[in-house]
Protein backbone atom coordinates (compact mmCIF):
# COMPACT_ATOMS: atom_id res chain seq x y z
CA MET A 1 0.00 0.00 0.00
CA ALA A 2 1.29 3.44 -0.90
CA ASP A 3 2.04 5.84 1.94
CA ALA A 4 -0.78 8.35 2.48
CA ARG A 5 1.67 11.25 2.32
CA ALA A 6 2.99 10.16 -1.07
CA VAL A 7 -0.58 9.78 -2.34
CA ASP A 8 -1.61 13.20 -1.03
CA ARG A 9 1.47 14.88 -2.50
CA THR A 10 0.77 13.26 -5.87
CA ARG A 11 -2.85 14.39 -5.83
CA SER A 12 -1.71 17.94 -5.07
CA LEU A 13 0.08 17.94 -8.44
CA PHE A 14 -3.06 17.03 -10.40
CA ARG A 15 -5.18 19.42 -12.40
CA PRO A 16 -8.27 20.50 -10.42
CA ASP A 17 -10.68 18.59 -12.67
CA THR A 18 -8.79 15.27 -12.41
CA PRO A 19 -10.87 12.40 -11.01
CA SER A 20 -8.78 10.11 -8.82
CA THR A 21 -9.66 6.93 -6.98
CA LEU A 22 -7.30 5.18 -4.60
CA ARG A 23 -7.48 1.48 -5.39
CA ALA A 24 -7.08 -1.28 -2.83
CA ASP A 25 -3.55 -1.92 -4.08
CA GLY A 26 -2.54 1.69 -3.39
CA VAL A 27 -2.57 2.83 -7.04
CA LEU A 28 -4.26 6.13 -7.93
CA ASP A 29 -6.67 5.58 -10.83
CA VAL A 30 -7.17 8.74 -12.92
CA ARG A 31 -8.64 7.14 -16.04
CA ARG A 32 -11.54 8.84 -17.75
CA PRO A 33 -14.10 6.38 -19.16
CA GLU A 34 -14.83 8.61 -22.14
CA ASN A 35 -11.22 8.30 -23.35
CA GLY A 36 -11.70 4.69 -24.40
CA PRO A 37 -8.98 2.01 -24.50
CA THR A 38 -5.32 3.05 -24.37
CA GLU A 39 -4.00 0.27 -26.60
CA SER A 40 -4.79 -0.54 -30.21
CA ARG A 41 -2.32 -3.07 -31.56
CA ALA A 42 -0.41 -6.15 -30.46
CA ALA A 43 2.42 -4.31 -28.70
CA GLN A 44 0.01 -2.25 -26.61
CA ARG A 45 -2.19 -5.24 -25.74
CA LEU A 46 0.86 -7.19 -24.61
CA MET A 47 1.56 -4.59 -21.93
CA ARG A 48 -1.77 -5.53 -20.32
CA PHE A 49 -0.86 -9.22 -20.18
CA GLY A 50 -0.67 -10.04 -16.46
CA PRO A 51 2.24 -12.52 -16.42
CA LEU A 52 4.43 -10.08 -18.33
CA ALA A 53 4.75 -7.94 -15.18
CA THR A 54 6.57 -10.82 -13.51
CA ILE A 55 9.14 -11.41 -16.28
CA TYR A 56 9.43 -7.83 -17.56
CA GLU A 57 12.85 -6.96 -16.14
CA ARG A 58 14.42 -10.36 -16.83
CA ALA A 59 12.97 -11.13 -20.25
CA TRP A 60 10.92 -8.46 -22.03
CA ARG A 61 12.92 -5.36 -21.03
CA PRO A 62 16.35 -6.82 -22.02
CA LEU A 63 14.98 -7.56 -25.49
CA PHE A 64 15.23 -3.84 -26.21
CA ARG A 65 19.00 -4.18 -25.93
CA LEU A 66 18.89 -6.04 -29.24
CA TRP A 67 18.15 -2.66 -30.83
CA MET A 68 21.34 -1.23 -29.32
CA GLY A 69 23.69 -3.98 -30.44
CA VAL A 70 26.23 -5.95 -28.42
CA SER A 71 28.14 -2.80 -27.44
CA GLY A 72 25.07 -0.99 -26.19
CA PRO A 73 24.66 0.02 -22.53
CA THR A 74 23.31 -2.45 -20.00
CA VAL A 75 20.24 -1.66 -17.90
CA ASP A 76 22.58 -0.61 -15.07
CA VAL A 77 24.34 1.84 -17.39
CA GLU A 78 20.98 3.15 -18.58
CA ARG A 79 20.12 3.91 -14.97
CA THR A 80 23.39 5.79 -14.57
CA PHE A 81 22.49 7.82 -17.66
CA ALA A 82 19.10 8.65 -16.17
CA VAL A 83 20.53 9.88 -12.85
CA ARG A 84 22.82 12.25 -14.73
CA ASP A 85 20.39 13.30 -17.46
CA LEU A 86 17.56 14.02 -15.01
CA GLY A 87 19.77 16.06 -12.73
CA LEU A 88 19.00 13.92 -9.69
CA VAL A 89 22.19 15.19 -8.04
CA ASP A 90 20.91 18.78 -8.26
CA ASP A 91 19.45 20.31 -5.10
CA GLY A 92 16.36 21.53 -6.96
CA THR A 93 15.09 18.08 -7.96
CA ARG A 94 12.30 17.01 -5.61
CA VAL A 95 9.51 15.59 -7.80
CA VAL A 96 10.29 13.08 -10.56
CA LEU A 97 7.77 11.57 -12.98
CA ASP A 98 8.47 8.19 -14.61
CA VAL A 99 6.05 7.77 -17.53
CA ALA A 100 5.21 4.25 -18.75
CA CYS A 101 6.87 2.89 -15.63
CA GLY A 102 5.80 -0.75 -16.06
CA PRO A 103 6.36 -2.81 -12.88
CA GLY A 104 8.24 0.04 -11.22
CA ASN A 105 11.82 -1.22 -11.39
CA PHE A 106 13.10 2.06 -12.80
CA THR A 107 10.80 4.12 -10.57
CA ARG A 108 12.22 2.52 -7.44
CA PHE A 109 15.77 3.04 -8.66
CA LEU A 110 15.13 6.76 -9.14
CA ALA A 111 13.67 6.98 -5.62
CA GLU A 112 16.67 5.14 -4.19
CA SER A 113 19.04 7.49 -6.01
CA LEU A 114 17.31 10.52 -4.53
CA ALA A 115 17.44 8.93 -1.07
CA ASP A 116 21.16 8.30 -1.52
CA ALA A 117 21.55 11.99 -2.38
CA GLY A 118 19.88 12.92 0.91
CA ARG A 119 16.57 14.06 -0.61
CA ARG A 120 14.30 13.09 2.27
CA ASP A 121 11.45 15.13 0.77
CA ALA A 122 11.70 13.56 -2.69
CA LEU A 123 8.70 12.08 -4.50
CA VAL A 124 8.86 9.79 -7.52
CA VAL A 125 5.60 9.10 -9.37
CA GLY A 126 5.30 6.20 -11.77
CA LEU A 127 2.50 6.34 -14.35
CA ASP A 128 1.35 3.52 -16.61
CA ALA A 129 -1.78 2.35 -18.45
CA SER A 130 -1.39 -1.30 -17.44
CA GLU A 131 -3.22 -2.50 -14.32
CA PRO A 132 -1.12 -5.70 -13.95
CA MET A 133 2.12 -3.74 -14.26
CA LEU A 134 1.13 -1.21 -11.61
CA ALA A 135 -0.25 -3.84 -9.25
CA ARG A 136 3.15 -5.50 -9.36
CA ALA A 137 4.90 -2.14 -8.95
CA ALA A 138 2.89 -1.20 -5.87
CA ARG A 139 3.37 -4.62 -4.30
CA ASP A 140 7.14 -4.67 -4.80
CA THR A 141 7.57 -1.08 -3.63
CA ALA A 142 5.63 -1.74 -0.43
CA ARG A 143 8.14 -4.49 0.40
CA THR A 144 11.22 -2.30 -0.19
CA VAL A 145 12.98 -0.88 2.87
CA ARG A 146 16.29 0.98 2.59
CA THR A 147 18.79 1.24 5.43
CA ASP A 148 21.46 3.94 5.60
CA SER A 149 23.34 5.93 8.22
CA THR A 150 20.13 7.64 9.37
CA GLY A 151 18.16 4.43 9.80
CA SER A 152 15.51 2.56 7.82
CA THR A 153 13.16 4.19 5.33
CA ASP A 154 10.18 2.62 3.59
CA LEU A 155 10.53 3.42 -0.08
CA ALA A 156 6.73 3.62 -0.29
CA ASP A 157 6.97 6.88 1.69
CA HIS A 158 8.48 8.50 -1.41
CA VAL A 159 6.85 6.61 -4.30
CA ALA A 160 3.33 6.73 -5.75
CA TYR A 161 1.81 5.02 -8.78
CA VAL A 162 -0.84 6.39 -11.12
CA LEU A 163 -3.01 4.39 -13.52
CA GLY A 164 -3.71 6.65 -16.47
CA ASP A 165 -3.22 7.58 -20.10
CA ALA A 166 0.13 9.19 -20.94
CA ARG A 167 -1.54 11.05 -23.81
CA GLU A 168 -3.40 13.11 -21.22
CA LEU A 169 -1.28 13.36 -18.10
CA PRO A 170 -3.26 14.43 -15.01
CA PHE A 171 -0.57 16.83 -13.78
CA GLU A 172 -0.62 20.62 -13.82
CA ASP A 173 1.62 22.49 -16.26
CA GLY A 174 5.16 22.80 -14.89
CA SER A 175 4.44 20.71 -11.81
CA VAL A 176 7.39 18.26 -11.83
CA ASP A 177 11.14 18.82 -11.59
CA ALA A 178 12.23 15.96 -13.87
CA VAL A 179 10.44 13.57 -16.20
CA CYS A 180 11.63 10.43 -17.95
CA CYS A 181 10.24 7.86 -20.33
CA TYR A 182 12.58 4.95 -21.01
CA ALA A 183 11.93 2.15 -23.51
CA ALA A 184 8.27 3.01 -23.95
CA LEU A 185 7.58 5.74 -26.52
CA TYR A 186 7.98 3.24 -29.35
CA LEU A 187 5.14 1.18 -27.81
CA VAL A 188 2.52 3.77 -26.90
CA PRO A 189 -0.26 5.08 -29.14
CA GLU A 190 0.33 8.63 -30.42
CA PRO A 191 3.91 8.85 -29.11
CA MET A 192 4.52 12.46 -30.13
CA ARG A 193 1.38 13.49 -28.26
CA VAL A 194 2.79 11.72 -25.22
CA PHE A 195 6.11 13.49 -25.71
CA ALA A 196 4.34 16.85 -25.80
CA GLU A 197 2.74 15.97 -22.46
CA LEU A 198 6.16 15.24 -20.96
CA VAL A 199 7.27 18.71 -22.00
CA ARG A 200 4.09 20.35 -20.68
CA VAL A 201 4.27 19.03 -17.11
CA LEU A 202 7.98 19.83 -16.69
CA ARG A 203 8.82 23.01 -14.78
CA PRO A 204 11.13 25.66 -16.27
CA GLY A 205 14.69 24.59 -15.52
CA GLY A 206 13.64 20.96 -15.16
CA ARG A 207 15.19 18.13 -17.15
CA LEU A 208 13.68 15.55 -19.47
CA ALA A 209 15.18 12.21 -20.53
CA VAL A 210 13.85 9.62 -22.98
CA MET A 211 15.23 6.42 -24.42
CA THR A 212 13.59 4.95 -27.50
CA THR A 213 14.16 3.68 -31.03
CA VAL A 214 15.88 5.50 -33.87
CA ARG A 215 16.22 4.89 -37.61
CA ARG A 216 19.77 4.05 -38.70
CA GLY A 217 21.54 3.30 -41.94
CA PRO A 218 20.55 4.12 -45.54
CA ALA A 219 17.16 5.79 -45.77
CA VAL A 220 15.63 3.01 -47.87
CA VAL A 221 16.66 0.38 -45.29
CA ALA A 222 15.57 2.46 -42.30
CA ASP A 223 12.20 3.24 -43.87
CA ALA A 224 11.65 -0.42 -44.73
CA MET A 225 12.36 -1.48 -41.14
CA ALA A 226 10.01 1.16 -39.73
CA THR A 227 7.25 0.08 -42.11
CA ALA A 228 7.75 -3.61 -41.33
CA VAL A 229 7.27 -3.23 -37.56
CA ARG A 230 4.47 -0.65 -37.67
CA PRO A 231 1.55 -3.15 -37.88
CA SER A 232 2.66 -4.67 -34.56
CA GLY A 233 2.32 -1.29 -32.85
CA LEU A 234 6.02 -0.46 -32.72
CA THR A 235 7.32 2.91 -33.90
CA VAL A 236 10.85 3.55 -35.15
CA PHE A 237 11.58 7.27 -34.89
CA GLY A 238 13.61 9.54 -37.11
CA ALA A 239 16.99 10.70 -35.82
CA ASP A 240 15.79 14.29 -35.44
CA ASP A 241 12.22 13.76 -34.23
CA PHE A 242 12.86 14.41 -30.55
CA THR A 243 15.82 16.77 -30.71
CA ASP A 244 13.91 19.01 -33.11
CA ALA A 245 10.82 18.89 -30.86
CA LEU A 246 12.90 19.96 -27.85
CA HIS A 247 14.54 22.81 -29.74
CA ARG A 248 11.11 24.02 -30.90
CA ALA A 249 9.95 23.94 -27.28
CA GLY A 250 12.88 26.16 -26.29
CA PHE A 251 14.93 23.52 -24.47
CA GLU A 252 18.60 24.08 -23.66
CA ALA A 253 21.50 21.61 -23.39
CA VAL A 254 19.79 19.18 -25.78
CA GLU A 255 21.87 16.04 -26.16
CA GLN A 256 21.39 12.84 -28.14
CA ARG A 257 23.37 9.61 -27.78
CA ILE A 258 22.79 6.79 -30.26
CA HIS A 259 23.59 3.14 -29.60
CA GLY A 260 22.66 0.83 -32.46
CA ALA A 261 19.01 1.50 -33.24
CA ALA A 262 18.30 3.14 -29.88
CA GLN A 263 18.64 6.77 -28.83
CA PHE A 264 18.92 8.62 -25.52
CA VAL A 265 17.70 12.21 -25.69
CA THR A 266 17.84 14.75 -22.88
CA GLY A 267 17.43 18.48 -22.41
CA ARG A 268 16.65 21.24 -19.92
CA LYS A 269 13.47 23.31 -20.19
CA ARG A 270 14.31 26.99 -20.61
């Protein structure tokens, strides 16, 4: 069960018209019935497959490394990238949003990193559209206790999970200090609409970090690959799609790192 303080702090970030119900598993449900289903093709439906939440980190998530090639970063290195790119070592980072968080492995790591940096008032919110994923996330987080020089801390005191549609985030404009979306934009419906929402909820001076697919090689080959995977619900993005979007939004310190057919993109909101 999520800590009441974490739940209340998360609700305080929502837009005034956001309906929210606290489920028995501690997840805040902000779905609007009129929005309809959040998945449309095989890749999106798979994310709602209950057993996948159990094997996600060991089986499904590592499959993305195939896009990066044998020299690509491991999941541990990806996490190191995120800590740096999101500015978690900066004093001003207190509220972090992890969009398409799945079973919460990455969300918990971000919370642990903030705890290690001495951010006792930090809050990390994981949002996903999959009920099985979030049920697993809430359950595992409730069992996580960290011990350091100041004693034991329940990670659930600093983590909350939200069941909702990333195309319409429930948060106020400029309400979070850092936002990330790793290994998910290529799976979600209307990914550029989701990306625009990440930009909207980030405060001025806050940092954004995404990791997703990228087209590589000769244009005819890259286009053929993108077309081949599209019916499954996967999107392969152009090399400039996200960097251009950040520049148009006035972001500073925009950086892109490419590993195989995967890209890491980060920037700071002006």
